[in-house]
Amino acid sequence: MATEMLAAARARATEITDAARRDQEEAARLQLESHRQIDLYLDQGRETAEELAGAVWNQAQGRIQELRRERERVEDERRSMLAQLSHVRGTVEDLEHYLGHNGASEA
């Protein structure tokens, strides 16, 4: 009877060892699959972030171009106004000079 119990215990130990090995192999497989999934998610996240960054960059570049064009328009307008002001000043000076000579000759 002791021999039978010992054989039964050995058989049970073998079953437990085999089950533990299978569980360990399954755990290793699941861990590997988890790492693959994580790598896939990270790659997808990186790709999405790069696409989003590119879209934001392009949008920003468009807005920057608009602002540059607006700045150039304002600069052109400013130069035009300064030229007009210079012309008006010249006209006022000419008028003062004319009035100064005519006023002096009338006096």
Protein backbone atom coordinates (compact mmCIF):
# COMPACT_ATOMS: atom_id res chain seq x y z
CA MET A 1 0.00 0.00 0.00
CA ALA A 2 2.84 2.42 0.72
CA THR A 3 4.19 1.70 -2.73
CA GLU A 4 0.82 2.51 -4.26
CA MET A 5 0.59 5.72 -2.28
CA LEU A 6 4.10 6.66 -3.29
CA ALA A 7 3.31 5.94 -6.95
CA ALA A 8 0.09 7.92 -6.69
CA ALA A 9 1.96 10.81 -5.06
CA ARG A 10 4.61 10.70 -7.79
CA ALA A 11 1.92 10.66 -10.47
CA ARG A 12 0.17 13.57 -8.82
CA ALA A 13 3.47 15.47 -8.51
CA THR A 14 4.12 14.83 -12.20
CA GLU A 15 0.64 16.14 -13.05
CA ILE A 16 1.19 19.24 -10.93
CA THR A 17 4.64 19.81 -12.45
CA ASP A 18 3.28 19.38 -15.98
CA ALA A 19 0.38 21.75 -15.24
CA ALA A 20 2.79 24.30 -13.74
CA ARG A 21 5.04 24.05 -16.82
CA ARG A 22 2.04 24.53 -19.14
CA ASP A 23 0.86 27.48 -17.06
CA GLN A 24 4.34 28.97 -17.15
CA GLU A 25 4.55 28.49 -20.93
CA GLU A 26 1.10 30.07 -21.33
CA ALA A 27 2.12 32.97 -19.10
CA ALA A 28 5.29 33.50 -21.15
CA ARG A 29 3.22 33.43 -24.37
CA LEU A 30 0.72 35.91 -22.92
CA GLN A 31 3.54 38.16 -21.73
CA LEU A 32 5.13 38.10 -25.19
CA GLU A 33 1.76 38.90 -26.79
CA SER A 34 1.23 41.72 -24.29
CA HIS A 35 4.61 43.21 -25.18
CA ARG A 36 3.75 42.99 -28.88
CA GLN A 37 0.42 44.73 -28.25
CA ILE A 38 2.11 47.45 -26.23
CA ASP A 39 4.71 47.97 -28.96
CA LEU A 40 1.91 48.17 -31.53
CA TYR A 41 0.00 50.73 -29.43
CA LEU A 42 3.14 52.77 -28.93
CA ASP A 43 3.90 52.74 -32.66
CA GLN A 44 0.32 53.74 -33.47
CA GLY A 45 0.43 56.49 -30.84
CA ARG A 46 3.74 57.77 -32.17
CA GLU A 47 2.38 57.76 -35.73
CA THR A 48 -0.77 59.58 -34.69
CA ALA A 49 1.26 62.15 -32.73
CA GLU A 50 3.52 62.74 -35.74
CA GLU A 51 0.51 63.18 -38.04
CA LEU A 52 -1.11 65.58 -35.60
CA ALA A 53 2.12 67.52 -35.15
CA GLY A 54 2.47 67.76 -38.93
CA ALA A 55 -1.09 69.02 -39.31
CA VAL A 56 -0.62 71.60 -36.55
CA TRP A 57 2.70 72.67 -38.11
CA ASN A 58 1.10 73.07 -41.54
CA GLN A 59 -1.78 75.04 -40.08
CA ALA A 60 0.65 77.26 -38.17
CA GLN A 61 2.72 77.83 -41.31
CA GLY A 62 -0.41 78.88 -43.19
CA ARG A 63 -1.32 81.35 -40.46
CA ILE A 64 2.24 82.66 -40.33
CA GLN A 65 2.13 83.28 -44.10
CA GLU A 66 -1.17 85.14 -43.70
CA LEU A 67 0.36 87.30 -40.96
CA ARG A 68 3.44 88.01 -43.09
CA ARG A 69 1.25 89.09 -46.01
CA GLU A 70 -0.78 91.30 -43.66
CA ARG A 71 2.40 92.82 -42.24
CA GLU A 72 3.68 93.53 -45.76
CA ARG A 73 0.34 95.13 -46.67
CA VAL A 74 0.48 97.33 -43.56
CA GLU A 75 4.11 98.26 -44.30
CA ASP A 76 3.18 99.21 -47.87
CA GLU A 77 0.30 101.29 -46.55
CA ARG A 78 2.59 102.97 -44.01
CA ARG A 79 5.16 103.80 -46.70
CA SER A 80 2.39 105.20 -48.91
CA MET A 81 1.05 107.34 -46.06
CA LEU A 82 4.54 108.61 -45.26
CA ALA A 83 5.02 109.51 -48.92
CA GLN A 84 1.68 111.33 -48.92
CA LEU A 85 2.59 113.12 -45.69
CA SER A 86 5.92 114.15 -47.16
CA HIS A 87 4.12 115.47 -50.23
CA VAL A 88 1.63 117.40 -48.03
CA ARG A 89 4.51 118.86 -45.99
CA GLY A 90 6.23 119.93 -49.19
CA THR A 91 3.02 121.52 -50.40
CA VAL A 92 2.53 123.33 -47.07
CA GLU A 93 6.14 124.56 -47.17
CA ASP A 94 5.69 125.74 -50.74
CA LEU A 95 2.48 127.51 -49.74
CA GLU A 96 4.17 129.13 -46.72
CA HIS A 97 7.06 130.18 -48.92
CA TYR A 98 4.66 131.59 -51.51
CA LEU A 99 2.58 133.37 -48.89
CA GLY A 100 5.73 134.65 -47.22
CA HIS A 101 6.96 136.21 -50.48
CA ASN A 102 3.59 137.58 -51.45
CA GLY A 103 2.93 138.88 -47.96
CA ALA A 104 6.33 140.57 -47.89
CA SER A 105 5.81 142.20 -51.28
CA GLU A 106 2.34 143.42 -50.32
CA ALA A 107 3.58 144.92 -47.09
